Amino acid sequence: MKKINYFYKSIFFHAAISFFLLFPAPANATFTVPALSELGEKSWVENKIKEYPELEWLLSDAVQHTQEGKSEQYKYEHSWSKKLKGKHYPEFERTILSIVSLHLIVNGSDQAYKRFTSLQPQKDKLSLVSFKRLHEFANSIIENDLHFLQTLEVNLILGDMGKTQTARLKAKKYGIIESDHDIFLDACLKKCPGIFPTFLSISDKAKKILKKVNGLVHFGHVTHVEGGPEILTKLKQSGTLDKDLKEFDFEILTHICDVSGARGHEDNSGSKVLTENTFKSIESVKEAIHFLKEHSEKEAMEHYIHARANLLGLDKNKQIYILARIGSMLRLFSKEEGKALKDAYASLSFDQKMLLQEELDPLTYRTERTPTYVPALLVNLSSTLEKQGLTRYQAIQECITKGSVFIAQVLRAYRTGKTNVPYNPQLTLNFNKAAGQVRDNPALLNNISFKIDSDLNVIIIK
């Protein structure tokens, strides 16, 4: 990676207006780089809503809330939506925090670092060295171009529109009913980009960038190993990696900022999620994607899985791939956590082991859409069990013996046509509602009964 010339960093804000004149922002807005003192302030958020009308769509009870983490924010004094609308809207908080995180990363100062990591425990905190490396990565992409910086903001906002009822109703007129919001955006940008006012107002250059990078790969699916090698096929076949790897780094930076805001609904004063281990796992994803340029999808997936398995101290045997996949979904990184995975797997019956191997092998190609929100179910299960008094070791074991087995049983039943709805490989099975149920009542998994509603949401039957 090219090392950033810090002379340019020092003149970035002074040169911003000059670059802005060369690359104009949308006609309905004046795009500026915020000072840290104004970043995230109520007036700044209000201006963002004026710049990007789609943000209003997130200020609604009809928005699909990601059921990972706490159901309520515990520091309402930090809630932007509470200040603006008198009510807390979780997805609005997450989206705004992703934009704040982008600007903190681009700023790169020690003050920005302290704010970015303010909610992270010391043992997991993103290191200053890693933050500086992230800053350099961001600026190597943006290269002091305000046009590029704003396009990143737009990419972050549009990426969350699939959660809103407003966007879904508009898209439904064009036959788009996809539940995975990343796939939803890709479909919209192909069929009906005009449903987004901001997209219509940005430059042709920005439109071209967004259309080119969206929908080629779902970074969350790769990071958490939510599918098989097929999750890399579209990117591989696009030829994008054969041209310029840096061009695709734009989408990697977008993903980093999106991850940074992932738990902004709990507390938006900093990034809870982009810790040292999370950042390193994303760097491993970046390496695997660059590896994909000269290798097959299966080889690239295996490359990434081995990186995660090494962190967990997993043995090189046939179950390494299953356990590394579950460990990735659970955001596990230590050898102690790897031991808990191995011990739990060893306690399973022969039939349960076969079930996991058949349904959760990350090197098996699948023809259907990758199920979504599976990691949320496991993360919520582990978190709630620990709050109820179980040790980390015990919680991980429950995630294997109950959570993973439940997920595999749902997938097998659905894939073999034994559920209440027909198998449809063109639609996405969604575990978001089940993740919320498990967060609130883990005992539901003692009785493995479920149904799938008409929107393909998995629901545990009480």
Protein backbone atom coordinates (compact mmCIF):
# COMPACT_ATOMS: atom_id res chain seq x y z
CA MET A 1 0.00 0.00 0.00
CA LYS A 2 1.32 3.38 -0.94
CA LYS A 3 2.39 5.36 2.10
CA ILE A 4 0.45 8.59 2.53
CA ASN A 5 2.38 11.79 2.16
CA TYR A 6 1.59 13.62 5.38
CA PHE A 7 2.08 16.94 3.70
CA TYR A 8 -1.17 16.25 1.88
CA LYS A 9 -2.81 15.28 5.12
CA SER A 10 -1.91 18.61 6.66
CA ILE A 11 -3.35 20.63 3.80
CA PHE A 12 -6.40 18.41 3.28
CA PHE A 13 -8.95 20.73 4.82
CA HIS A 14 -7.43 23.84 3.24
CA ALA A 15 -7.48 22.23 -0.21
CA ALA A 16 -10.97 20.77 0.19
CA ILE A 17 -12.84 23.65 -1.39
CA SER A 18 -10.53 23.69 -4.41
CA PHE A 19 -11.19 20.03 -5.05
CA PHE A 20 -14.87 20.55 -4.43
CA LEU A 21 -14.99 23.08 -7.26
CA LEU A 22 -13.60 20.46 -9.60
CA PHE A 23 -15.99 17.74 -8.42
CA PRO A 24 -19.31 19.37 -7.50
CA ALA A 25 -21.63 17.82 -4.94
CA PRO A 26 -25.35 17.25 -5.56
CA ALA A 27 -27.20 20.35 -6.69
CA ASN A 28 -29.36 20.33 -3.57
CA ALA A 29 -26.47 20.36 -1.11
CA THR A 30 -23.15 21.94 -0.23
CA PHE A 31 -20.73 19.23 0.79
CA THR A 32 -18.05 20.18 3.30
CA VAL A 33 -15.63 18.30 5.53
CA PRO A 34 -16.75 18.73 9.16
CA ALA A 35 -14.44 19.72 11.97
CA LEU A 36 -14.37 17.22 14.85
CA SER A 37 -16.18 19.74 17.04
CA GLU A 38 -19.22 19.74 14.75
CA LEU A 39 -19.13 16.09 13.62
CA GLY A 40 -22.16 14.32 15.06
CA GLU A 41 -23.71 17.48 16.52
CA LYS A 42 -27.48 17.93 16.10
CA SER A 43 -27.08 20.69 13.50
CA TRP A 44 -24.65 18.53 11.48
CA VAL A 45 -27.10 15.60 11.49
CA GLU A 46 -29.93 17.92 10.44
CA ASN A 47 -27.84 19.12 7.51
CA LYS A 48 -27.14 15.52 6.50
CA ILE A 49 -30.87 14.87 6.36
CA LYS A 50 -31.26 17.89 4.08
CA GLU A 51 -28.42 16.61 1.87
CA TYR A 52 -29.74 13.05 1.75
CA PRO A 53 -33.58 12.80 1.85
CA GLU A 54 -33.37 9.01 2.19
CA LEU A 55 -32.23 9.43 5.80
CA GLU A 56 -35.80 10.44 6.63
CA TRP A 57 -36.91 6.98 5.53
CA LEU A 58 -34.97 5.52 8.47
CA LEU A 59 -36.93 7.68 10.93
CA SER A 60 -39.89 5.33 10.98
CA ASP A 61 -41.28 2.47 13.06
CA ALA A 62 -41.67 0.46 9.84
CA VAL A 63 -37.89 0.11 9.40
CA GLN A 64 -36.55 -3.44 9.80
CA HIS A 65 -34.25 -3.27 12.81
CA THR A 66 -31.23 -5.57 12.88
CA GLN A 67 -31.86 -7.85 15.85
CA GLU A 68 -28.26 -8.08 17.03
CA GLY A 69 -27.16 -6.65 20.33
CA LYS A 70 -29.40 -4.87 22.81
CA SER A 71 -32.97 -4.14 21.81
CA GLU A 72 -32.86 -0.69 23.38
CA GLN A 73 -30.20 1.99 23.55
CA TYR A 74 -29.04 2.53 27.10
CA LYS A 75 -27.75 6.07 26.65
CA TYR A 76 -30.61 8.02 25.16
CA GLU A 77 -28.85 11.32 25.73
CA HIS A 78 -26.64 10.35 22.79
CA SER A 79 -29.53 9.40 20.49
CA TRP A 80 -29.64 11.62 17.41
CA SER A 81 -33.13 10.47 16.44
CA LYS A 82 -34.38 11.09 19.98
CA LYS A 83 -33.12 14.68 19.79
CA LEU A 84 -34.59 15.23 16.34
CA LYS A 85 -37.87 13.33 16.50
CA GLY A 86 -38.42 12.62 20.18
CA LYS A 87 -38.07 8.87 19.55
CA HIS A 88 -35.17 6.47 19.16
CA TYR A 89 -34.82 4.89 15.70
CA PRO A 90 -32.07 2.23 15.78
CA GLU A 91 -31.21 2.01 12.07
CA PHE A 92 -30.95 5.79 11.77
CA GLU A 93 -28.39 5.73 14.59
CA ARG A 94 -26.37 3.00 12.91
CA THR A 95 -26.31 4.77 9.55
CA ILE A 96 -25.32 8.15 10.95
CA LEU A 97 -22.59 6.55 13.06
CA SER A 98 -21.17 4.88 9.93
CA ILE A 99 -20.81 8.34 8.34
CA VAL A 100 -19.29 9.78 11.54
CA SER A 101 -16.86 6.84 11.58
CA LEU A 102 -15.85 7.59 7.99
CA HIS A 103 -14.91 11.15 8.92
CA LEU A 104 -13.06 10.08 12.07
CA ILE A 105 -11.01 7.63 9.99
CA VAL A 106 -10.27 10.24 7.33
CA ASN A 107 -9.31 12.78 10.01
CA GLY A 108 -6.86 10.31 11.53
CA SER A 109 -5.81 12.47 14.49
CA ASP A 110 -5.19 11.23 18.03
CA GLN A 111 -8.37 13.02 19.08
CA ALA A 112 -10.33 11.20 16.36
CA TYR A 113 -8.82 7.90 17.52
CA LYS A 114 -9.88 8.50 21.15
CA ARG A 115 -13.42 9.23 20.06
CA PHE A 116 -13.55 6.29 17.65
CA THR A 117 -12.43 3.79 20.34
CA SER A 118 -14.10 5.42 23.36
CA LEU A 119 -16.56 2.54 23.87
CA GLN A 120 -14.09 -0.30 23.36
CA PRO A 121 -12.68 -2.24 26.34
CA GLN A 122 -8.93 -1.95 26.68
CA LYS A 123 -8.22 -5.62 25.94
CA ASP A 124 -10.08 -5.47 22.60
CA LYS A 125 -9.40 -1.86 21.62
CA LEU A 126 -8.32 -1.02 18.10
CA SER A 127 -4.68 -0.04 18.43
CA LEU A 128 -3.47 3.41 17.47
CA VAL A 129 -1.13 1.77 14.95
CA SER A 130 -4.06 -0.01 13.30
CA PHE A 131 -6.15 3.18 13.30
CA LYS A 132 -3.33 5.05 11.57
CA ARG A 133 -3.03 2.21 9.06
CA LEU A 134 -6.77 2.42 8.45
CA HIS A 135 -6.45 6.19 8.03
CA GLU A 136 -3.74 5.73 5.44
CA PHE A 137 -5.83 3.12 3.61
CA ALA A 138 -8.80 5.49 3.51
CA ASN A 139 -6.80 8.44 2.25
CA SER A 140 -5.05 6.30 -0.38
CA ILE A 141 -8.53 5.72 -1.82
CA ILE A 142 -9.97 9.21 -1.36
CA GLU A 143 -6.77 11.05 -2.31
CA ASN A 144 -8.10 14.39 -1.02
CA ASP A 145 -11.00 14.21 -3.49
CA LEU A 146 -14.19 15.56 -1.89
CA HIS A 147 -16.20 14.01 -4.68
CA PHE A 148 -14.93 10.56 -3.66
CA LEU A 149 -15.51 11.27 0.03
CA GLN A 150 -19.12 12.21 -0.61
CA THR A 151 -19.66 9.17 -2.83
CA LEU A 152 -18.61 7.04 0.15
CA GLU A 153 -21.28 8.77 2.26
CA VAL A 154 -23.91 8.09 -0.39
CA ASN A 155 -22.83 4.45 -0.62
CA LEU A 156 -23.23 4.04 3.14
CA ILE A 157 -26.71 5.58 3.14
CA LEU A 158 -28.09 3.74 0.13
CA GLY A 159 -26.74 0.47 1.51
CA ASP A 160 -29.25 0.68 4.37
CA MET A 161 -32.30 1.59 2.30
CA GLY A 162 -33.40 -2.03 1.93
CA LYS A 163 -34.36 -1.90 5.61
CA THR A 164 -36.92 0.85 4.99
CA GLN A 165 -40.55 0.35 4.04
CA THR A 166 -40.39 3.45 1.84
CA ALA A 167 -37.70 2.01 -0.43
CA ARG A 168 -39.32 -1.42 -0.48
CA LEU A 169 -42.69 -0.08 -1.54
CA LYS A 170 -41.05 1.94 -4.32
CA ALA A 171 -38.99 -1.06 -5.46
CA LYS A 172 -41.92 -3.47 -5.31
CA LYS A 173 -43.43 -1.68 -8.29
CA TYR A 174 -40.43 -2.92 -10.25
CA GLY A 175 -40.76 -6.51 -9.00
CA ILE A 176 -37.99 -6.26 -6.39
CA ILE A 177 -38.87 -8.08 -3.15
CA GLU A 178 -35.42 -9.29 -2.02
CA SER A 179 -35.06 -9.34 1.79
CA ASP A 180 -31.25 -9.09 1.91
CA HIS A 181 -30.69 -5.32 1.81
CA ASP A 182 -27.34 -5.59 0.01
CA ILE A 183 -28.85 -7.62 -2.83
CA PHE A 184 -31.85 -5.29 -2.73
CA LEU A 185 -29.69 -2.23 -3.43
CA ASP A 186 -27.89 -3.93 -6.30
CA ALA A 187 -31.23 -4.83 -7.88
CA CYS A 188 -32.51 -1.27 -7.44
CA LEU A 189 -29.41 0.31 -8.97
CA LYS A 190 -29.91 -1.93 -12.00
CA LYS A 191 -33.69 -1.61 -12.41
CA CYS A 192 -34.88 1.57 -10.71
CA PRO A 193 -32.11 3.84 -9.34
CA GLY A 194 -34.48 6.76 -9.72
CA ILE A 195 -36.37 5.76 -6.57
CA PHE A 196 -33.47 7.31 -4.64
CA PRO A 197 -33.49 11.15 -4.84
CA THR A 198 -29.83 11.36 -3.84
CA PHE A 199 -28.75 9.00 -6.61
CA LEU A 200 -30.48 11.21 -9.17
CA SER A 201 -28.66 14.30 -7.86
CA ILE A 202 -25.07 12.99 -7.79
CA SER A 203 -22.63 13.27 -10.67
CA ASP A 204 -22.39 10.74 -13.48
CA LYS A 205 -18.96 9.80 -12.16
CA ALA A 206 -20.40 8.92 -8.75
CA LYS A 207 -23.29 6.98 -10.30
CA LYS A 208 -20.83 4.94 -12.32
CA ILE A 209 -18.76 4.11 -9.23
CA LEU A 210 -21.78 3.00 -7.19
CA LYS A 211 -23.22 0.86 -9.95
CA LYS A 212 -19.86 -0.76 -10.58
CA VAL A 213 -18.97 -1.81 -7.03
CA ASN A 214 -22.37 -2.65 -5.55
CA GLY A 215 -23.59 -6.22 -5.49
CA LEU A 216 -20.32 -7.92 -6.46
CA VAL A 217 -19.69 -9.39 -3.02
CA HIS A 218 -21.32 -9.23 0.40
CA PHE A 219 -18.42 -8.49 2.77
CA GLY A 220 -20.33 -9.54 5.85
CA HIS A 221 -21.00 -12.93 4.28
CA VAL A 222 -17.29 -13.39 3.66
CA THR A 223 -16.10 -12.05 7.03
CA HIS A 224 -18.46 -14.29 8.98
CA VAL A 225 -18.31 -17.17 6.47
CA GLU A 226 -22.07 -17.14 6.01
CA GLY A 227 -21.99 -19.09 2.75
CA GLY A 228 -19.79 -21.23 0.54
CA PRO A 229 -17.42 -20.36 -2.32
CA GLU A 230 -20.38 -19.16 -4.38
CA ILE A 231 -20.43 -15.91 -2.39
CA LEU A 232 -17.26 -14.95 -4.30
CA THR A 233 -18.41 -16.07 -7.75
CA LYS A 234 -20.04 -12.84 -8.89
CA LEU A 235 -16.94 -10.82 -7.99
CA LYS A 236 -14.66 -13.35 -9.68
CA GLN A 237 -16.70 -13.41 -12.88
CA SER A 238 -17.07 -9.63 -13.04
CA GLY A 239 -13.42 -9.19 -13.99
CA THR A 240 -13.19 -6.20 -11.64
CA LEU A 241 -10.20 -7.66 -9.80
CA ASP A 242 -8.33 -8.15 -13.08
CA LYS A 243 -8.34 -4.40 -13.76
CA ASP A 244 -7.46 -2.50 -10.60
CA LEU A 245 -7.60 -3.89 -7.06
CA LYS A 246 -7.55 -0.38 -5.66
CA GLU A 247 -10.78 0.38 -7.49
CA PHE A 248 -12.53 -2.30 -5.45
CA ASP A 249 -10.92 -1.06 -2.22
CA PHE A 250 -13.57 1.68 -2.34
CA GLU A 251 -16.15 -0.96 -1.44
CA ILE A 252 -13.91 -2.43 1.27
CA LEU A 253 -13.65 1.01 2.92
CA THR A 254 -17.43 1.36 2.74
CA HIS A 255 -17.76 -1.98 4.51
CA ILE A 256 -15.31 -0.94 7.23
CA CYS A 257 -17.36 2.19 7.96
CA ASP A 258 -20.59 0.19 7.89
CA VAL A 259 -19.15 -2.26 10.43
CA SER A 260 -17.95 0.66 12.55
CA GLY A 261 -21.52 1.87 12.97
CA ALA A 262 -23.03 -1.58 13.51
CA ARG A 263 -24.04 -1.07 17.15
CA GLY A 264 -24.72 2.64 17.05
CA HIS A 265 -28.29 1.90 18.17
CA GLU A 266 -26.89 1.03 21.61
CA ASP A 267 -24.52 3.97 21.98
CA ASN A 268 -23.36 6.21 19.14
CA SER A 269 -20.52 8.04 20.88
CA GLY A 270 -17.94 5.70 19.32
CA SER A 271 -17.53 2.43 17.44
CA LYS A 272 -18.11 -0.62 19.60
CA VAL A 273 -17.53 -3.09 16.81
CA LEU A 274 -14.38 -2.15 14.91
CA THR A 275 -11.96 -3.52 17.49
CA GLU A 276 -8.42 -4.76 16.82
CA ASN A 277 -9.57 -8.29 16.06
CA THR A 278 -12.43 -7.12 13.84
CA PHE A 279 -10.10 -4.89 11.86
CA LYS A 280 -7.60 -7.72 11.42
CA SER A 281 -10.35 -10.06 10.22
CA ILE A 282 -11.39 -7.48 7.62
CA GLU A 283 -7.77 -7.19 6.54
CA SER A 284 -7.78 -10.98 6.12
CA VAL A 285 -10.89 -10.67 3.95
CA LYS A 286 -9.09 -8.05 1.87
CA GLU A 287 -6.15 -10.43 1.46
CA ALA A 288 -8.49 -13.27 0.44
CA ILE A 289 -10.20 -11.07 -2.15
CA HIS A 290 -6.85 -10.01 -3.58
CA PHE A 291 -5.90 -13.73 -3.56
CA LEU A 292 -9.07 -14.39 -5.57
CA LYS A 293 -7.61 -12.46 -8.49
CA GLU A 294 -5.32 -15.40 -9.36
CA HIS A 295 -7.22 -18.28 -7.72
CA SER A 296 -10.61 -19.98 -7.62
CA GLU A 297 -13.43 -19.01 -5.30
CA LYS A 298 -12.91 -22.19 -3.27
CA GLU A 299 -9.20 -21.52 -2.90
CA ALA A 300 -9.83 -17.93 -1.79
CA MET A 301 -12.44 -19.04 0.74
CA GLU A 302 -10.08 -21.70 2.06
CA HIS A 303 -7.33 -19.06 2.31
CA TYR A 304 -9.52 -16.92 4.57
CA ILE A 305 -10.84 -19.83 6.65
CA HIS A 306 -7.30 -21.00 7.43
CA ALA A 307 -6.42 -17.49 8.64
CA ARG A 308 -9.36 -17.58 11.06
CA ALA A 309 -8.67 -21.21 12.08
CA ASN A 310 -5.07 -20.34 12.96
CA LEU A 311 -6.25 -17.66 15.38
CA LEU A 312 -8.52 -20.22 17.05
CA GLY A 313 -5.83 -22.89 17.22
CA LEU A 314 -7.98 -25.39 15.31
CA ASP A 315 -6.49 -28.69 14.20
CA LYS A 316 -6.15 -29.41 10.49
CA ASN A 317 -8.85 -32.06 10.13
CA LYS A 318 -12.23 -32.37 8.46
CA GLN A 319 -14.08 -30.35 11.10
CA ILE A 320 -11.72 -27.36 10.92
CA TYR A 321 -13.92 -25.74 8.30
CA ILE A 322 -17.16 -26.18 10.25
CA LEU A 323 -15.65 -24.85 13.47
CA ALA A 324 -13.84 -21.97 11.76
CA ARG A 325 -17.13 -20.99 10.13
CA ILE A 326 -19.05 -21.04 13.41
CA GLY A 327 -16.16 -19.24 15.13
CA SER A 328 -16.23 -16.54 12.46
CA MET A 329 -19.98 -16.08 12.85
CA LEU A 330 -19.51 -15.80 16.62
CA ARG A 331 -16.63 -13.29 16.23
CA LEU A 332 -14.20 -15.58 18.08
CA PHE A 333 -10.44 -15.02 17.86
CA SER A 334 -8.59 -16.76 20.70
CA LYS A 335 -7.24 -20.29 21.18
CA GLU A 336 -9.28 -20.57 24.40
CA GLU A 337 -12.43 -19.91 22.38
CA GLY A 338 -11.23 -22.41 19.78
CA LYS A 339 -10.91 -25.06 22.51
CA ALA A 340 -14.51 -24.40 23.56
CA LEU A 341 -15.59 -24.94 19.95
CA LYS A 342 -13.67 -28.24 19.69
CA ASP A 343 -14.97 -29.55 23.01
CA ALA A 344 -18.56 -28.69 22.11
CA TYR A 345 -18.28 -30.35 18.71
CA ALA A 346 -16.84 -33.49 20.32
CA SER A 347 -19.92 -33.70 22.58
CA LEU A 348 -22.35 -33.86 19.64
CA SER A 349 -23.95 -37.10 18.53
CA PHE A 350 -22.86 -38.72 15.27
CA ASP A 351 -26.07 -37.57 13.55
CA GLN A 352 -25.59 -33.99 14.75
CA LYS A 353 -22.01 -33.92 13.47
CA MET A 354 -23.18 -35.21 10.07
CA LEU A 355 -25.91 -32.57 10.04
CA LEU A 356 -23.40 -29.75 10.60
CA GLN A 357 -21.00 -31.16 8.04
CA GLU A 358 -23.71 -31.42 5.40
CA GLU A 359 -25.38 -28.06 6.02
CA LEU A 360 -22.57 -25.79 7.28
CA ASP A 361 -19.52 -26.84 5.27
CA PRO A 362 -18.18 -23.48 3.94
CA LEU A 363 -16.42 -25.17 1.01
CA THR A 364 -19.64 -26.64 -0.40
CA TYR A 365 -21.10 -24.69 -3.30
CA ARG A 366 -24.76 -23.74 -2.84
CA THR A 367 -27.28 -22.75 -5.48
CA GLU A 368 -29.59 -20.71 -3.25
CA ARG A 369 -29.15 -17.20 -1.89
CA THR A 370 -27.01 -17.03 1.24
CA PRO A 371 -29.26 -17.05 4.34
CA THR A 372 -29.03 -13.76 6.18
CA TYR A 373 -28.71 -12.82 9.89
CA VAL A 374 -27.47 -16.30 10.89
CA PRO A 375 -24.50 -14.80 12.83
CA ALA A 376 -26.89 -12.48 14.69
CA LEU A 377 -28.70 -15.50 16.12
CA LEU A 378 -25.47 -17.04 17.42
CA VAL A 379 -24.05 -13.75 18.76
CA ASN A 380 -27.30 -12.94 20.56
CA LEU A 381 -27.49 -16.43 22.04
CA SER A 382 -23.93 -16.24 23.38
CA SER A 383 -24.35 -12.71 24.75
CA THR A 384 -27.60 -13.42 26.58
CA LEU A 385 -26.36 -16.69 28.05
CA GLU A 386 -23.31 -14.92 29.49
CA LYS A 387 -25.57 -12.25 31.00
CA GLN A 388 -27.57 -15.06 32.60
CA GLY A 389 -24.43 -16.32 34.37
CA LEU A 390 -22.86 -18.84 32.02
CA THR A 391 -19.13 -18.64 31.42
CA ARG A 392 -17.77 -17.76 27.99
CA TYR A 393 -16.79 -21.42 27.54
CA GLN A 394 -20.30 -22.63 28.42
CA ALA A 395 -22.00 -20.05 26.18
CA ILE A 396 -19.89 -21.09 23.19
CA GLN A 397 -20.80 -24.73 23.84
CA GLU A 398 -24.50 -23.84 23.83
CA CYS A 399 -24.01 -22.01 20.53
CA ILE A 400 -22.72 -25.26 19.02
CA THR A 401 -25.03 -27.79 20.64
CA LYS A 402 -28.21 -25.72 20.33
CA GLY A 403 -27.73 -22.66 18.10
CA SER A 404 -25.75 -24.24 15.26
CA VAL A 405 -27.79 -27.43 15.33
CA PHE A 406 -31.00 -25.39 15.13
CA ILE A 407 -29.68 -23.39 12.16
CA ALA A 408 -28.60 -26.56 10.34
CA GLN A 409 -31.98 -28.20 10.96
CA VAL A 410 -33.81 -25.20 9.54
CA LEU A 411 -31.55 -25.17 6.46
CA ARG A 412 -31.98 -28.91 5.87
CA ALA A 413 -35.75 -28.76 6.24
CA TYR A 414 -36.00 -25.77 3.92
CA ARG A 415 -33.61 -27.18 1.29
CA THR A 416 -35.44 -30.51 1.22
CA GLY A 417 -38.92 -28.97 0.95
CA LYS A 418 -40.05 -30.00 4.44
CA THR A 419 -41.15 -26.60 5.74
CA ASN A 420 -44.45 -24.77 5.50
CA VAL A 421 -43.20 -22.74 2.51
CA PRO A 422 -41.69 -24.01 -0.75
CA TYR A 423 -37.95 -23.84 -1.31
CA ASN A 424 -37.06 -20.89 -3.54
CA PRO A 425 -33.34 -20.46 -4.37
CA GLN A 426 -34.01 -16.99 -5.78
CA LEU A 427 -35.11 -15.55 -2.42
CA THR A 428 -33.22 -15.13 0.86
CA LEU A 429 -34.06 -17.05 4.02
CA ASN A 430 -33.95 -14.53 6.86
CA PHE A 431 -33.03 -15.40 10.50
CA ASN A 432 -33.40 -11.82 11.81
CA LYS A 433 -36.65 -12.39 13.72
CA ALA A 434 -35.37 -15.63 15.21
CA ALA A 435 -32.22 -13.77 16.31
CA GLY A 436 -34.40 -11.30 18.20
CA GLN A 437 -36.34 -14.13 19.83
CA VAL A 438 -33.17 -15.88 20.96
CA ARG A 439 -31.74 -12.66 22.35
CA ASP A 440 -34.82 -12.22 24.54
CA ASN A 441 -35.38 -15.89 25.43
CA PRO A 442 -32.57 -18.41 24.72
CA ALA A 443 -34.69 -21.22 26.21
CA LEU A 444 -36.74 -21.20 23.01
CA LEU A 445 -34.00 -23.33 21.45
CA ASN A 446 -34.79 -26.14 23.90
CA ASN A 447 -37.78 -26.86 21.68
CA ILE A 448 -36.70 -26.85 18.06
CA SER A 449 -39.97 -25.95 16.40
CA PHE A 450 -40.17 -23.22 13.80
CA LYS A 451 -42.08 -21.84 10.86
CA ILE A 452 -41.15 -19.65 7.91
CA ASP A 453 -43.49 -16.79 7.06
CA SER A 454 -44.42 -15.53 3.59
CA ASP A 455 -41.42 -13.16 3.57
CA LEU A 456 -39.10 -16.11 4.39
CA ASN A 457 -38.48 -14.97 7.98
CA VAL A 458 -37.58 -17.88 10.27
CA ILE A 459 -39.70 -17.74 13.43
CA ILE A 460 -39.25 -20.01 16.44
CA ILE A 461 -42.57 -21.42 17.67
CA LYS A 462 -42.97 -20.91 21.38
